[in-house]
Amino acid sequence: MCGMVGYAGAQAQSALDVVLAGLGGLEQVDDGSRGSAGVVVLSDGCLATAGATGPLAALHDELARRPLPLGGSAVGQLRCASGPCGARGAAAGPPAAQPSLDAAGRGAVVYQGSLDNGAELRAALAGRGHRLDAGGDSAVVAHLLAEQFSSCVDLGEALRQVSRVLVGRFAVIAVHADEPETVAGVQRGLSLFAGVGDGESFLASHAEALDGRVREVVELWGDDLALLRRESDEVRCEVTDARGSVVRA
């Protein structure tokens, strides 16, 4: 199945390995056919990305040729070969499912869904000087996030503001190099789960990606937003509703 995984860990370990394991859990529930897979790792104040077409094994091969640095936070995505992914659709995105970056390469999103106002938002962004040559709705979300982050410098609030202008069904997981301790996710109409483990927390589009690693799973509803935030030797998981009221802390 197509899907997304986000991860924040309290220890200086390879978040990439954890995300790849989560994506592997998603791939095992179907026949393994895949359009593409991609990941992004936050390391030393920068974002490092990789992607490959084909099944997840192709991404492993790419990472063997071009390893990414270690980091405590990462996100990844599997994309269907074409068209919507069943009830949880995935809009067309950049080649090899690499997470969409903003123009400065500081923020990244993985995205599933279908925006009714995607073309309108893209045109508005172009009118404000943004260049979105590819990436479908995913690129639109990444550039909107950059605008909001520049004004509020808070990833969770920036993603909440972006979600308010999106019309349609979607799930988004986002990271930003200027807030490397945080992974944020928001959804409307598509599934998104937050998982809490020991010294680590997850976001995933499907619960199968969390098997064996978490002691608590929280399903997001409506316009719920989840924040995974690394603090000292632990990772907090906070879920708020569309009004910003805390649902789970």
Protein backbone atom coordinates (compact mmCIF):
# COMPACT_ATOMS: atom_id res chain seq x y z
CA MET A 1 0.00 0.00 0.00
CA CYS A 2 1.07 3.60 -0.46
CA GLY A 3 1.88 5.41 2.75
CA MET A 4 3.97 7.78 4.84
CA VAL A 5 6.04 7.53 8.02
CA GLY A 6 7.55 10.22 10.25
CA TYR A 7 9.88 9.61 13.19
CA ALA A 8 11.55 11.50 16.03
CA GLY A 9 13.91 9.74 18.44
CA ALA A 10 15.54 10.94 21.63
CA GLN A 11 18.84 9.19 20.97
CA ALA A 12 21.50 9.98 18.37
CA GLN A 13 20.56 7.04 16.17
CA SER A 14 19.72 6.63 12.54
CA ALA A 15 16.13 7.77 12.20
CA LEU A 16 16.42 6.70 8.57
CA ASP A 17 16.64 3.01 9.54
CA VAL A 18 13.47 3.33 11.61
CA VAL A 19 11.55 5.04 8.80
CA LEU A 20 12.70 2.45 6.28
CA ALA A 21 11.50 -0.31 8.62
CA GLY A 22 8.11 1.40 8.86
CA LEU A 23 7.85 1.68 5.09
CA GLY A 24 8.81 -1.97 4.86
CA GLY A 25 5.89 -2.82 7.13
CA LEU A 26 3.57 -1.05 4.71
CA GLU A 27 5.04 -2.80 1.69
CA GLN A 28 4.57 -6.24 3.23
CA VAL A 29 0.79 -5.94 3.33
CA ASP A 30 0.46 -5.99 -0.47
CA ASP A 31 2.27 -7.56 -3.43
CA GLY A 32 5.25 -5.22 -3.18
CA SER A 33 4.62 -3.45 -6.50
CA ARG A 34 5.51 0.19 -6.09
CA GLY A 35 5.82 3.33 -8.11
CA SER A 36 8.57 4.93 -6.04
CA ALA A 37 9.89 5.58 -2.55
CA GLY A 38 11.67 8.53 -0.94
CA VAL A 39 13.02 9.77 2.38
CA VAL A 40 14.39 12.90 4.03
CA VAL A 41 16.66 13.02 7.12
CA LEU A 42 17.31 16.04 9.35
CA SER A 43 21.01 16.17 10.17
CA ASP A 44 23.26 19.01 11.40
CA GLY A 45 20.74 21.70 10.54
CA CYS A 46 20.16 20.47 6.98
CA LEU A 47 17.80 18.21 5.05
CA ALA A 48 19.19 15.24 3.13
CA THR A 49 16.92 13.45 0.66
CA ALA A 50 16.95 10.33 -1.49
CA GLY A 51 14.46 8.61 -3.76
CA ALA A 52 14.17 5.75 -6.23
CA THR A 53 11.57 4.39 -8.61
CA GLY A 54 10.28 0.88 -8.14
CA PRO A 55 9.79 -1.09 -4.89
CA LEU A 56 11.39 -0.18 -1.57
CA ALA A 57 14.39 -2.38 -2.42
CA ALA A 58 15.34 0.14 -5.11
CA LEU A 59 15.58 2.85 -2.47
CA HIS A 60 17.76 0.60 -0.30
CA ASP A 61 20.05 0.14 -3.31
CA GLU A 62 20.20 3.90 -3.86
CA LEU A 63 21.06 4.49 -0.21
CA ALA A 64 23.82 1.88 -0.40
CA ARG A 65 25.34 3.84 -3.29
CA ARG A 66 24.72 7.23 -1.73
CA PRO A 67 24.30 6.99 2.05
CA LEU A 68 22.47 9.72 3.94
CA PRO A 69 23.83 11.14 7.21
CA LEU A 70 22.69 10.07 10.66
CA GLY A 71 19.92 12.08 12.25
CA GLY A 72 17.32 11.84 14.99
CA SER A 73 14.34 12.78 12.77
CA ALA A 74 13.23 11.55 9.34
CA VAL A 75 10.19 11.10 7.12
CA GLY A 76 9.53 8.76 4.20
CA GLN A 77 6.93 7.81 1.66
CA LEU A 78 5.86 5.01 -0.68
CA ARG A 79 3.96 6.10 -3.79
CA CYS A 80 1.66 4.09 -6.04
CA ALA A 81 2.74 3.58 -9.61
CA SER A 82 -0.14 5.66 -10.99
CA GLY A 83 -3.42 7.19 -10.02
CA PRO A 84 -5.10 7.24 -6.61
CA CYS A 85 -4.09 4.68 -4.00
CA GLY A 86 -7.52 3.28 -3.26
CA ALA A 87 -9.46 5.17 -0.62
CA ARG A 88 -6.32 6.86 0.63
CA GLY A 89 -5.30 8.36 -2.75
CA ALA A 90 -1.92 9.88 -3.57
CA ALA A 91 -1.58 12.80 -5.91
CA ALA A 92 1.14 12.77 -8.54
CA GLY A 93 4.42 13.98 -7.11
CA PRO A 94 8.07 14.56 -7.87
CA PRO A 95 10.13 11.79 -9.51
CA ALA A 96 11.07 8.90 -7.22
CA ALA A 97 8.71 10.15 -4.49
CA GLN A 98 11.36 12.38 -2.96
CA PRO A 99 9.69 14.54 -0.32
CA SER A 100 8.79 17.95 -1.72
CA LEU A 101 11.11 20.74 -0.55
CA ASP A 102 10.48 24.46 -0.43
CA ALA A 103 12.54 26.80 -2.61
CA ALA A 104 15.23 27.23 0.04
CA GLY A 105 15.51 23.52 0.74
CA ARG A 106 14.76 24.08 4.42
CA GLY A 107 11.29 22.56 4.74
CA ALA A 108 10.02 19.22 3.43
CA VAL A 109 6.65 17.48 3.27
CA VAL A 110 5.33 14.07 2.37
CA TYR A 111 1.72 14.16 1.25
CA GLN A 112 -1.23 12.01 0.26
CA GLY A 113 -4.59 13.24 -0.93
CA SER A 114 -6.52 15.22 -3.46
CA LEU A 115 -6.94 18.99 -3.26
CA ASP A 116 -10.00 20.56 -4.83
CA ASN A 117 -8.25 23.95 -4.86
CA GLY A 118 -4.75 22.77 -5.79
CA ALA A 119 -4.68 24.62 -9.12
CA GLU A 120 -5.97 27.80 -7.51
CA LEU A 121 -3.33 27.65 -4.77
CA ARG A 122 -0.57 26.94 -7.31
CA ALA A 123 -1.60 29.99 -9.36
CA ALA A 124 -1.64 32.17 -6.25
CA LEU A 125 1.83 30.98 -5.26
CA ALA A 126 3.14 31.68 -8.77
CA GLY A 127 1.69 35.17 -8.53
CA ARG A 128 3.69 35.68 -5.33
CA GLY A 129 6.93 34.68 -7.07
CA HIS A 130 7.10 30.96 -6.29
CA ARG A 131 8.37 28.57 -8.96
CA LEU A 132 6.58 25.21 -8.88
CA ASP A 133 7.69 23.37 -11.99
CA ALA A 134 6.73 19.91 -10.69
CA GLY A 135 5.55 18.07 -7.63
CA GLY A 136 1.78 18.32 -7.93
CA ASP A 137 -0.15 19.20 -4.78
CA SER A 138 2.78 18.09 -2.63
CA ALA A 139 4.90 20.99 -3.93
CA VAL A 140 2.01 23.38 -3.33
CA VAL A 141 1.87 22.32 0.31
CA ALA A 142 5.66 22.65 0.71
CA HIS A 143 5.68 26.21 -0.64
CA LEU A 144 2.68 27.23 1.43
CA LEU A 145 4.43 25.84 4.50
CA ALA A 146 7.51 27.94 3.75
CA GLU A 147 5.41 31.09 3.64
CA GLN A 148 3.72 30.33 6.94
CA PHE A 149 6.93 29.24 8.65
CA SER A 150 8.64 32.49 7.69
CA SER A 151 5.99 34.47 9.54
CA CYS A 152 5.42 32.36 12.66
CA VAL A 153 8.69 30.32 12.92
CA ASP A 154 6.77 27.43 14.48
CA LEU A 155 6.34 24.27 12.46
CA GLY A 156 3.14 23.12 14.13
CA GLU A 157 1.39 26.47 13.79
CA ALA A 158 2.67 26.90 10.23
CA LEU A 159 1.22 23.53 9.24
CA ARG A 160 -2.08 24.33 10.96
CA GLN A 161 -2.35 27.58 8.97
CA VAL A 162 -1.60 25.71 5.73
CA SER A 163 -4.28 23.11 6.45
CA ARG A 164 -6.86 25.87 6.82
CA VAL A 165 -6.47 26.95 3.18
CA LEU A 166 -6.49 23.41 1.76
CA VAL A 167 -9.81 22.18 0.37
CA GLY A 168 -10.13 18.44 -0.07
CA ARG A 169 -8.90 15.23 1.56
CA PHE A 170 -5.27 15.01 2.62
CA ALA A 171 -2.65 13.87 5.10
CA VAL A 172 0.68 15.69 5.46
CA ILE A 173 3.84 15.04 7.48
CA ALA A 174 6.32 17.93 7.60
CA VAL A 175 9.79 18.77 8.90
CA HIS A 176 11.92 21.91 8.82
CA ALA A 177 15.67 22.29 9.19
CA ASP A 178 15.21 25.35 11.42
CA GLU A 179 13.17 23.25 13.87
CA PRO A 180 15.03 19.93 13.76
CA GLU A 181 13.55 18.65 17.02
CA THR A 182 10.01 18.53 15.59
CA VAL A 183 7.99 16.39 13.20
CA ALA A 184 4.44 17.59 12.50
CA GLY A 185 1.44 15.96 10.84
CA VAL A 186 -2.10 17.01 9.97
CA GLN A 187 -4.99 15.30 8.20
CA ARG A 188 -8.50 15.77 6.92
CA GLY A 189 -10.44 12.85 5.53
CA LEU A 190 -7.45 10.49 5.29
CA SER A 191 -6.01 8.38 8.07
CA LEU A 192 -3.02 9.47 10.14
CA PHE A 193 -1.80 7.81 13.32
CA ALA A 194 0.55 8.97 16.08
CA GLY A 195 2.51 6.25 17.86
CA VAL A 196 4.34 6.62 21.17
CA GLY A 197 7.21 4.34 22.10
CA ASP A 198 10.09 4.43 24.58
CA GLY A 199 12.13 7.54 23.81
CA GLU A 200 10.65 7.78 20.33
CA SER A 201 7.43 8.77 18.60
CA PHE A 202 5.97 8.20 15.14
CA LEU A 203 3.49 9.47 12.61
CA ALA A 204 2.15 7.10 9.98
CA SER A 205 -0.63 6.98 7.43
CA HIS A 206 -1.32 3.34 8.36
CA ALA A 207 -1.05 1.57 11.68
CA GLU A 208 0.86 -1.32 10.04
CA ALA A 209 3.95 0.91 9.93
CA LEU A 210 3.98 1.07 13.75
CA ASP A 211 3.80 -2.65 14.51
CA GLY A 212 6.11 -3.76 17.31
CA ARG A 213 7.57 -0.35 18.16
CA VAL A 214 4.89 1.56 20.07
CA ARG A 215 2.99 1.19 23.31
CA GLU A 216 0.25 3.66 22.42
CA VAL A 217 -1.44 4.56 19.13
CA VAL A 218 -3.62 7.65 18.67
CA GLU A 219 -5.73 8.03 15.53
CA LEU A 220 -6.16 11.61 14.35
CA TRP A 221 -9.63 12.83 13.40
CA GLY A 222 -11.10 15.85 11.65
CA ASP A 223 -8.37 18.46 11.35
CA ASP A 224 -6.28 17.11 14.23
CA LEU A 225 -2.60 18.07 14.21
CA ALA A 226 0.14 16.02 15.87
CA LEU A 227 3.55 17.25 17.00
CA LEU A 228 6.46 14.97 17.83
CA ARG A 229 8.98 17.08 19.71
CA ARG A 230 12.34 15.88 21.00
CA GLU A 231 13.18 17.26 24.44
CA SER A 232 16.36 16.12 26.17
CA ASP A 233 16.14 12.34 26.49
CA GLU A 234 12.47 11.95 25.57
CA VAL A 235 10.10 12.70 22.70
CA ARG A 236 6.75 14.27 23.46
CA CYS A 237 3.70 13.57 21.32
CA GLU A 238 0.99 16.23 21.42
CA VAL A 239 -2.25 16.11 19.44
CA THR A 240 -4.46 19.18 19.07
CA ASP A 241 -7.79 19.67 17.32
CA ALA A 242 -8.66 22.22 14.62
CA ARG A 243 -9.05 24.96 17.26
CA GLY A 244 -5.67 24.20 18.82
CA SER A 245 -7.11 22.57 21.94
CA VAL A 246 -4.99 19.72 23.28
CA VAL A 247 -6.49 16.29 22.66
CA ARG A 248 -3.48 14.26 23.78
CA ALA A 249 -0.32 15.52 25.53
